[in-house]
PDB file of all heavy atoms in Angstrom:
ATOM      1  N   SER A   1    -146.901  82.121 -47.199  1.00  0.00           N
ATOM      2  CA  SER A   1    -148.244  82.202 -46.638  1.00  0.00           C
ATOM      3  C   SER A   1    -149.221  82.793 -47.692  1.00  0.00           C
ATOM      4  O   SER A   1    -150.383  82.683 -47.441  1.00  0.00           O
ATOM      5  CB  SER A   1    -148.182  83.091 -45.384  1.00  0.00           C
ATOM      6  OG  SER A   1    -147.459  82.497 -44.351  1.00  0.00           O
ATOM      7  N   TYR A   2    -148.757  83.367 -48.694  1.00  0.00           N
ATOM      8  CA  TYR A   2    -149.731  83.903 -49.723  1.00  0.00           C
ATOM      9  C   TYR A   2    -150.336  82.866 -50.631  1.00  0.00           C
ATOM     10  O   TYR A   2    -149.620  82.045 -51.177  1.00  0.00           O
ATOM     11  CB  TYR A   2    -148.917  84.913 -50.708  1.00  0.00           C
ATOM     12  CG  TYR A   2    -148.479  86.130 -49.985  1.00  0.00           C
ATOM     13  CD1 TYR A   2    -147.110  86.410 -49.729  1.00  0.00           C
ATOM     14  CD2 TYR A   2    -149.368  87.101 -49.607  1.00  0.00           C
ATOM     15  CE1 TYR A   2    -146.702  87.527 -49.107  1.00  0.00           C
ATOM     16  CE2 TYR A   2    -148.927  88.271 -48.799  1.00  0.00           C
ATOM     17  CZ  TYR A   2    -147.581  88.483 -48.713  1.00  0.00           C
ATOM     18  OH  TYR A   2    -147.167  89.619 -48.012  1.00  0.00           O
ATOM     19  N   THR A   3    -151.620  82.765 -50.611  1.00  0.00           N
ATOM     20  CA  THR A   3    -152.279  81.899 -51.561  1.00  0.00           C
ATOM     21  C   THR A   3    -152.505  82.618 -52.889  1.00  0.00           C
ATOM     22  O   THR A   3    -152.637  81.944 -53.924  1.00  0.00           O
ATOM     23  CB  THR A   3    -153.681  81.394 -50.972  1.00  0.00           C
ATOM     24  OG1 THR A   3    -154.393  82.523 -50.669  1.00  0.00           O
ATOM     25  CG2 THR A   3    -153.453  80.607 -49.717  1.00  0.00           C
ATOM     26  N   ARG A   4    -152.549  83.890 -52.869  1.00  0.00           N
ATOM     27  CA  ARG A   4    -152.544  84.732 -54.057  1.00  0.00           C
ATOM     28  C   ARG A   4    -152.133  86.087 -53.588  1.00  0.00           C
ATOM     29  O   ARG A   4    -152.101  86.505 -52.392  1.00  0.00           O
ATOM     30  CB  ARG A   4    -153.937  84.878 -54.689  1.00  0.00           C
ATOM     31  CG  ARG A   4    -155.006  85.472 -53.880  1.00  0.00           C
ATOM     32  CD  ARG A   4    -156.303  85.405 -54.571  1.00  0.00           C
ATOM     33  NE  ARG A   4    -157.391  85.668 -53.598  1.00  0.00           N
ATOM     34  CZ  ARG A   4    -158.213  86.775 -53.720  1.00  0.00           C
ATOM     35  NH1 ARG A   4    -158.013  87.570 -54.759  1.00  0.00           N
ATOM     36  NH2 ARG A   4    -159.041  86.911 -52.849  1.00  0.00           N
ATOM     37  N   GLY A   5    -151.601  86.822 -54.436  1.00  0.00           N
ATOM     38  CA  GLY A   5    -151.108  88.141 -54.077  1.00  0.00           C
ATOM     39  C   GLY A   5    -149.556  88.204 -54.082  1.00  0.00           C
ATOM     40  O   GLY A   5    -148.946  87.392 -54.791  1.00  0.00           O
ATOM     41  N   PRO A   6    -148.951  89.094 -53.342  1.00  0.00           N
ATOM     42  CA  PRO A   6    -149.518  89.964 -52.363  1.00  0.00           C
ATOM     43  C   PRO A   6    -150.246  91.175 -52.935  1.00  0.00           C
ATOM     44  O   PRO A   6    -150.124  91.447 -54.115  1.00  0.00           O
ATOM     45  CB  PRO A   6    -148.247  90.422 -51.609  1.00  0.00           C
ATOM     46  CG  PRO A   6    -147.114  90.433 -52.621  1.00  0.00           C
ATOM     47  CD  PRO A   6    -147.522  89.207 -53.549  1.00  0.00           C
ATOM     48  N   GLY A   7    -151.092  91.769 -52.172  1.00  0.00           N
ATOM     49  CA  GLY A   7    -151.928  92.867 -52.572  1.00  0.00           C
ATOM     50  C   GLY A   7    -151.849  94.013 -51.533  1.00  0.00           C
ATOM     51  O   GLY A   7    -151.159  93.942 -50.582  1.00  0.00           O
ATOM     52  N   PRO A   8    -152.698  94.975 -51.812  1.00  0.00           N
ATOM     53  CA  PRO A   8    -152.655  96.169 -50.933  1.00  0.00           C
ATOM     54  C   PRO A   8    -153.365  96.102 -49.547  1.00  0.00           C
ATOM     55  O   PRO A   8    -153.223  96.959 -48.732  1.00  0.00           O
ATOM     56  CB  PRO A   8    -153.404  97.251 -51.811  1.00  0.00           C
ATOM     57  CG  PRO A   8    -154.363  96.472 -52.574  1.00  0.00           C
ATOM     58  CD  PRO A   8    -153.664  95.161 -52.888  1.00  0.00           C
ATOM     59  N   ARG A   9    -154.106  94.976 -49.288  1.00  0.00           N
ATOM     60  CA  ARG A   9    -154.812  94.857 -48.029  1.00  0.00           C
ATOM     61  C   ARG A   9    -153.975  94.013 -47.043  1.00  0.00           C
ATOM     62  O   ARG A   9    -153.643  92.848 -47.368  1.00  0.00           O
ATOM     63  CB  ARG A   9    -156.151  94.248 -48.233  1.00  0.00           C
ATOM     64  CG  ARG A   9    -156.976  94.189 -46.939  1.00  0.00           C
ATOM     65  CD  ARG A   9    -158.439  93.903 -47.216  1.00  0.00           C
ATOM     66  NE  ARG A   9    -158.888  95.027 -48.000  1.00  0.00           N
ATOM     67  CZ  ARG A   9    -159.934  95.773 -47.549  1.00  0.00           C
ATOM     68  NH1 ARG A   9    -160.473  95.598 -46.394  1.00  0.00           N
ATOM     69  NH2 ARG A   9    -160.340  96.746 -48.291  1.00  0.00           N
ATOM     70  N   TRP A  10    -153.661  94.513 -45.968  1.00  0.00           N
ATOM     71  CA  TRP A  10    -152.908  93.844 -44.886  1.00  0.00           C
ATOM     72  C   TRP A  10    -153.750  92.703 -44.389  1.00  0.00           C
ATOM     73  O   TRP A  10    -154.943  92.836 -44.056  1.00  0.00           O
ATOM     74  CB  TRP A  10    -152.512  94.856 -43.699  1.00  0.00           C
ATOM     75  CG  TRP A  10    -151.789  94.166 -42.581  1.00  0.00           C
ATOM     76  CD1 TRP A  10    -152.372  93.702 -41.456  1.00  0.00           C
ATOM     77  CD2 TRP A  10    -150.451  93.816 -42.536  1.00  0.00           C
ATOM     78  NE1 TRP A  10    -151.452  93.124 -40.632  1.00  0.00           N
ATOM     79  CE2 TRP A  10    -150.237  93.251 -41.266  1.00  0.00           C
ATOM     80  CE3 TRP A  10    -149.397  94.045 -43.369  1.00  0.00           C
ATOM     81  CZ2 TRP A  10    -148.943  92.816 -40.864  1.00  0.00           C
ATOM     82  CZ3 TRP A  10    -148.200  93.625 -43.014  1.00  0.00           C
ATOM     83  CH2 TRP A  10    -147.975  93.064 -41.754  1.00  0.00           C
ATOM     84  N   GLY A  11    -153.105  91.539 -44.261  1.00  0.00           N
ATOM     85  CA  GLY A  11    -153.775  90.357 -43.782  1.00  0.00           C
ATOM     86  C   GLY A  11    -152.864  89.458 -43.045  1.00  0.00           C
ATOM     87  O   GLY A  11    -151.678  89.691 -42.841  1.00  0.00           O
ATOM     88  N   GLU A  12    -153.482  88.236 -42.659  1.00  0.00           N
ATOM     89  CA  GLU A  12    -152.639  87.366 -41.963  1.00  0.00           C
ATOM     90  C   GLU A  12    -151.522  86.720 -42.648  1.00  0.00           C
ATOM     91  O   GLU A  12    -150.471  86.474 -42.129  1.00  0.00           O
ATOM     92  CB  GLU A  12    -153.571  86.171 -41.512  1.00  0.00           C
ATOM     93  CG  GLU A  12    -152.971  85.122 -40.592  1.00  0.00           C
ATOM     94  CD  GLU A  12    -152.437  85.697 -39.293  1.00  0.00           C
ATOM     95  OE1 GLU A  12    -152.876  86.807 -38.793  1.00  0.00           O
ATOM     96  OE2 GLU A  12    -151.619  84.971 -38.662  1.00  0.00           O
ATOM     97  N   ALA A  13    -151.524  86.711 -44.053  1.00  0.00           N
ATOM     98  CA  ALA A  13    -150.476  86.142 -44.804  1.00  0.00           C
ATOM     99  C   ALA A  13    -149.298  87.132 -44.761  1.00  0.00           C
ATOM    100  O   ALA A  13    -148.066  86.743 -44.634  1.00  0.00           O
ATOM    101  CB  ALA A  13    -150.854  85.974 -46.242  1.00  0.00           C
ATOM    102  N   ASP A  14    -149.574  88.438 -44.675  1.00  0.00           N
ATOM    103  CA  ASP A  14    -148.550  89.454 -44.611  1.00  0.00           C
ATOM    104  C   ASP A  14    -147.879  89.379 -43.237  1.00  0.00           C
ATOM    105  O   ASP A  14    -146.613  89.337 -43.121  1.00  0.00           O
ATOM    106  CB  ASP A  14    -149.020  90.870 -44.741  1.00  0.00           C
ATOM    107  CG  ASP A  14    -149.756  91.084 -46.130  1.00  0.00           C
ATOM    108  OD1 ASP A  14    -149.007  91.032 -47.138  1.00  0.00           O
ATOM    109  OD2 ASP A  14    -150.989  91.301 -46.113  1.00  0.00           O
ATOM    110  N   ARG A  15    -148.699  89.239 -42.155  1.00  0.00           N
ATOM    111  CA  ARG A  15    -148.109  89.081 -40.779  1.00  0.00           C
ATOM    112  C   ARG A  15    -147.226  87.971 -40.582  1.00  0.00           C
ATOM    113  O   ARG A  15    -146.150  87.974 -40.147  1.00  0.00           O
ATOM    114  CB  ARG A  15    -149.266  89.130 -39.737  1.00  0.00           C
ATOM    115  CG  ARG A  15    -148.740  89.319 -38.348  1.00  0.00           C
ATOM    116  CD  ARG A  15    -149.775  88.879 -37.318  1.00  0.00           C
ATOM    117  NE  ARG A  15    -150.040  87.551 -37.371  1.00  0.00           N
ATOM    118  CZ  ARG A  15    -149.192  86.582 -36.874  1.00  0.00           C
ATOM    119  NH1 ARG A  15    -148.056  86.876 -36.324  1.00  0.00           N
ATOM    120  NH2 ARG A  15    -149.511  85.252 -36.954  1.00  0.00           N
ATOM    121  N   ARG A  16    -147.698  86.797 -41.186  1.00  0.00           N
ATOM    122  CA  ARG A  16    -146.869  85.575 -41.149  1.00  0.00           C
ATOM    123  C   ARG A  16    -145.586  85.664 -41.824  1.00  0.00           C
ATOM    124  O   ARG A  16    -144.614  85.233 -41.413  1.00  0.00           O
ATOM    125  CB  ARG A  16    -147.634  84.400 -41.654  1.00  0.00           C
ATOM    126  CG  ARG A  16    -148.702  83.904 -40.690  1.00  0.00           C
ATOM    127  CD  ARG A  16    -149.411  82.697 -41.263  1.00  0.00           C
ATOM    128  NE  ARG A  16    -150.645  82.387 -40.687  1.00  0.00           N
ATOM    129  CZ  ARG A  16    -151.585  81.700 -41.256  1.00  0.00           C
ATOM    130  NH1 ARG A  16    -151.398  81.079 -42.459  1.00  0.00           N
ATOM    131  NH2 ARG A  16    -152.745  81.573 -40.584  1.00  0.00           N
ATOM    132  N   GLY A  17    -145.670  86.321 -43.049  1.00  0.00           N
ATOM    133  CA  GLY A  17    -144.383  86.511 -43.765  1.00  0.00           C
ATOM    134  C   GLY A  17    -143.409  87.365 -43.008  1.00  0.00           C
ATOM    135  O   GLY A  17    -142.279  87.144 -42.973  1.00  0.00           O
ATOM    136  N   VAL A  18    -143.961  88.469 -42.477  1.00  0.00           N
ATOM    137  CA  VAL A  18    -143.070  89.409 -41.624  1.00  0.00           C
ATOM    138  C   VAL A  18    -142.452  88.657 -40.482  1.00  0.00           C
ATOM    139  O   VAL A  18    -141.345  88.748 -40.164  1.00  0.00           O
ATOM    140  CB  VAL A  18    -143.872  90.622 -41.294  1.00  0.00           C
ATOM    141  CG1 VAL A  18    -143.006  91.532 -40.313  1.00  0.00           C
ATOM    142  CG2 VAL A  18    -144.147  91.494 -42.518  1.00  0.00           C
ATOM    143  N   GLN A  19    -143.328  87.914 -39.854  1.00  0.00           N
ATOM    144  CA  GLN A  19    -142.894  87.169 -38.641  1.00  0.00           C
ATOM    145  C   GLN A  19    -141.805  86.132 -39.013  1.00  0.00           C
ATOM    146  O   GLN A  19    -140.735  86.035 -38.285  1.00  0.00           O
ATOM    147  CB  GLN A  19    -144.079  86.393 -38.004  1.00  0.00           C
ATOM    148  CG  GLN A  19    -143.616  85.875 -36.604  1.00  0.00           C
ATOM    149  CD  GLN A  19    -144.855  85.232 -35.942  1.00  0.00           C
ATOM    150  OE1 GLN A  19    -145.645  84.559 -36.515  1.00  0.00           O
ATOM    151  NE2 GLN A  19    -144.996  85.576 -34.644  1.00  0.00           N
ATOM    152  N   ALA A  20    -141.947  85.403 -40.133  1.00  0.00           N
ATOM    153  CA  ALA A  20    -140.896  84.532 -40.562  1.00  0.00           C
ATOM    154  C   ALA A  20    -139.604  85.307 -40.866  1.00  0.00           C
ATOM    155  O   ALA A  20    -138.527  84.770 -40.510  1.00  0.00           O
ATOM    156  CB  ALA A  20    -141.407  83.739 -41.806  1.00  0.00           C
ATOM    157  N   PHE A  21    -139.689  86.449 -41.509  1.00  0.00           N
ATOM    158  CA  PHE A  21    -138.502  87.213 -41.690  1.00  0.00           C
ATOM    159  C   PHE A  21    -137.869  87.705 -40.500  1.00  0.00           C
ATOM    160  O   PHE A  21    -136.613  87.497 -40.313  1.00  0.00           O
ATOM    161  CB  PHE A  21    -138.853  88.407 -42.606  1.00  0.00           C
ATOM    162  CG  PHE A  21    -137.727  89.387 -42.815  1.00  0.00           C
ATOM    163  CD1 PHE A  21    -136.657  89.056 -43.781  1.00  0.00           C
ATOM    164  CD2 PHE A  21    -137.604  90.479 -42.023  1.00  0.00           C
ATOM    165  CE1 PHE A  21    -135.677  89.937 -43.844  1.00  0.00           C
ATOM    166  CE2 PHE A  21    -136.511  91.410 -42.237  1.00  0.00           C
ATOM    167  CZ  PHE A  21    -135.542  91.084 -43.151  1.00  0.00           C
ATOM    168  N   GLN A  22    -138.649  88.100 -39.580  1.00  0.00           N
ATOM    169  CA  GLN A  22    -138.090  88.537 -38.290  1.00  0.00           C
ATOM    170  C   GLN A  22    -137.381  87.415 -37.502  1.00  0.00           C
ATOM    171  O   GLN A  22    -136.322  87.625 -36.938  1.00  0.00           O
ATOM    172  CB  GLN A  22    -139.267  89.176 -37.403  1.00  0.00           C
ATOM    173  CG  GLN A  22    -139.748  90.463 -37.923  1.00  0.00           C
ATOM    174  CD  GLN A  22    -140.986  90.988 -37.256  1.00  0.00           C
ATOM    175  OE1 GLN A  22    -141.812  90.189 -36.762  1.00  0.00           O
ATOM    176  NE2 GLN A  22    -141.187  92.271 -37.176  1.00  0.00           N
ATOM    177  N   ARG A  23    -138.010  86.251 -37.569  1.00  0.00           N
ATOM    178  CA  ARG A  23    -137.377  85.104 -36.850  1.00  0.00           C
ATOM    179  C   ARG A  23    -136.122  84.781 -37.560  1.00  0.00           C
ATOM    180  O   ARG A  23    -135.086  84.290 -36.875  1.00  0.00           O
ATOM    181  CB  ARG A  23    -138.414  83.960 -36.821  1.00  0.00           C
ATOM    182  CG  ARG A  23    -139.452  84.111 -35.852  1.00  0.00           C
ATOM    183  CD  ARG A  23    -140.422  82.921 -35.744  1.00  0.00           C
ATOM    184  NE  ARG A  23    -141.406  83.235 -34.684  1.00  0.00           N
ATOM    185  CZ  ARG A  23    -142.530  82.621 -34.664  1.00  0.00           C
ATOM    186  NH1 ARG A  23    -142.853  81.648 -35.500  1.00  0.00           N
ATOM    187  NH2 ARG A  23    -143.405  82.836 -33.594  1.00  0.00           N
ATOM    188  N   ALA A  24    -135.993  84.852 -38.851  1.00  0.00           N
ATOM    189  CA  ALA A  24    -134.778  84.573 -39.592  1.00  0.00           C
ATOM    190  C   ALA A  24    -133.741  85.535 -39.230  1.00  0.00           C
ATOM    191  O   ALA A  24    -132.475  85.262 -39.360  1.00  0.00           O
ATOM    192  CB  ALA A  24    -135.077  84.639 -41.178  1.00  0.00           C
ATOM    193  N   GLN A  25    -134.090  86.680 -38.617  1.00  0.00           N
ATOM    194  CA  GLN A  25    -133.131  87.626 -38.242  1.00  0.00           C
ATOM    195  C   GLN A  25    -132.579  87.302 -36.834  1.00  0.00           C
ATOM    196  O   GLN A  25    -131.701  88.025 -36.308  1.00  0.00           O
ATOM    197  CB  GLN A  25    -133.699  89.062 -38.172  1.00  0.00           C
ATOM    198  CG  GLN A  25    -134.196  89.580 -39.506  1.00  0.00           C
ATOM    199  CD  GLN A  25    -133.145  89.612 -40.543  1.00  0.00           C
ATOM    200  OE1 GLN A  25    -132.099  90.259 -40.488  1.00  0.00           O
ATOM    201  NE2 GLN A  25    -133.352  88.812 -41.577  1.00  0.00           N
ATOM    202  N   GLY A  26    -133.170  86.293 -36.227  1.00  0.00           N
ATOM    203  CA  GLY A  26    -132.761  85.893 -34.840  1.00  0.00           C
ATOM    204  C   GLY A  26    -133.702  86.530 -33.762  1.00  0.00           C
ATOM    205  O   GLY A  26    -133.339  86.332 -32.600  1.00  0.00           O
ATOM    206  N   TRP A  27    -134.712  87.210 -34.162  1.00  0.00           N
ATOM    207  CA  TRP A  27    -135.523  87.853 -33.294  1.00  0.00           C
ATOM    208  C   TRP A  27    -136.547  86.851 -32.623  1.00  0.00           C
ATOM    209  O   TRP A  27    -137.043  86.099 -33.384  1.00  0.00           O
ATOM    210  CB  TRP A  27    -136.259  88.984 -33.824  1.00  0.00           C
ATOM    211  CG  TRP A  27    -135.341  90.100 -34.409  1.00  0.00           C
ATOM    212  CD1 TRP A  27    -133.965  90.276 -34.113  1.00  0.00           C
ATOM    213  CD2 TRP A  27    -135.662  91.153 -35.366  1.00  0.00           C
ATOM    214  NE1 TRP A  27    -133.531  91.320 -34.867  1.00  0.00           N
ATOM    215  CE2 TRP A  27    -134.455  91.799 -35.617  1.00  0.00           C
ATOM    216  CE3 TRP A  27    -136.848  91.425 -36.092  1.00  0.00           C
ATOM    217  CZ2 TRP A  27    -134.419  92.899 -36.565  1.00  0.00           C
ATOM    218  CZ3 TRP A  27    -136.764  92.466 -36.975  1.00  0.00           C
ATOM    219  CH2 TRP A  27    -135.562  93.232 -37.181  1.00  0.00           C
ATOM    220  N   ARG A  28    -136.902  87.054 -31.353  1.00  0.00           N
ATOM    221  CA  ARG A  28    -137.900  86.105 -30.713  1.00  0.00           C
ATOM    222  C   ARG A  28    -138.834  86.937 -29.862  1.00  0.00           C
ATOM    223  O   ARG A  28    -138.633  88.146 -29.660  1.00  0.00           O
ATOM    224  CB  ARG A  28    -137.088  85.124 -29.833  1.00  0.00           C
ATOM    225  CG  ARG A  28    -136.110  84.247 -30.524  1.00  0.00           C
ATOM    226  CD  ARG A  28    -136.894  83.241 -31.370  1.00  0.00           C
ATOM    227  NE  ARG A  28    -135.937  82.339 -32.127  1.00  0.00           N
ATOM    228  CZ  ARG A  28    -135.633  82.473 -33.410  1.00  0.00           C
ATOM    229  NH1 ARG A  28    -136.163  83.444 -34.029  1.00  0.00           N
ATOM    230  NH2 ARG A  28    -134.790  81.573 -33.988  1.00  0.00           N
ATOM    231  N   GLY A  29    -139.869  86.271 -29.420  1.00  0.00           N
ATOM    232  CA  GLY A  29    -140.945  86.914 -28.563  1.00  0.00           C
ATOM    233  C   GLY A  29    -141.528  88.023 -29.237  1.00  0.00           C
ATOM    234  O   GLY A  29    -141.827  88.080 -30.434  1.00  0.00           O
ATOM    235  N   GLY A  30    -141.604  89.179 -28.499  1.00  0.00           N
ATOM    236  CA  GLY A  30    -142.229  90.465 -28.998  1.00  0.00           C
ATOM    237  C   GLY A  30    -141.523  91.026 -30.137  1.00  0.00           C
ATOM    238  O   GLY A  30    -142.144  91.905 -30.903  1.00  0.00           O
ATOM    239  N   ALA A  31    -140.232  90.717 -30.293  1.00  0.00           N
ATOM    240  CA  ALA A  31    -139.441  91.328 -31.375  1.00  0.00           C
ATOM    241  C   ALA A  31    -139.806  90.680 -32.711  1.00  0.00           C
ATOM    242  O   ALA A  31    -139.599  91.247 -33.732  1.00  0.00           O
ATOM    243  CB  ALA A  31    -137.971  91.133 -31.200  1.00  0.00           C
ATOM    244  N   ALA A  32    -140.395  89.465 -32.683  1.00  0.00           N
ATOM    245  CA  ALA A  32    -140.886  88.771 -33.870  1.00  0.00           C
ATOM    246  C   ALA A  32    -142.467  88.765 -33.876  1.00  0.00           C
ATOM    247  O   ALA A  32    -143.064  87.618 -33.905  1.00  0.00           O
ATOM    248  CB  ALA A  32    -140.257  87.359 -33.997  1.00  0.00           C
ATOM    249  N   ASP A  33    -143.095  89.947 -33.824  1.00  0.00           N
ATOM    250  CA  ASP A  33    -144.479  89.930 -33.721  1.00  0.00           C
ATOM    251  C   ASP A  33    -145.274  89.956 -35.034  1.00  0.00           C
ATOM    252  O   ASP A  33    -146.451  89.857 -35.040  1.00  0.00           O
ATOM    253  CB  ASP A  33    -144.947  91.185 -32.849  1.00  0.00           C
ATOM    254  CG  ASP A  33    -144.503  92.484 -33.559  1.00  0.00           C
ATOM    255  OD1 ASP A  33    -143.965  92.492 -34.597  1.00  0.00           O
ATOM    256  OD2 ASP A  33    -144.789  93.484 -32.939  1.00  0.00           O
ATOM    257  N   GLY A  34    -144.526  90.051 -36.145  1.00  0.00           N
ATOM    258  CA  GLY A  34    -145.204  89.984 -37.477  1.00  0.00           C
ATOM    259  C   GLY A  34    -145.585  91.416 -38.000  1.00  0.00           C
ATOM    260  O   GLY A  34    -146.201  91.489 -39.000  1.00  0.00           O
TER     261      GLY A  34
END
């Protein structure tokens, strides 16, 4: 999701990356909130 970075400012690319990681752990719904 990063077009450049990552950097120190939290943004949508960070949230999407975290959510993808959470889903890869098998988490769904609120557990994969990003």
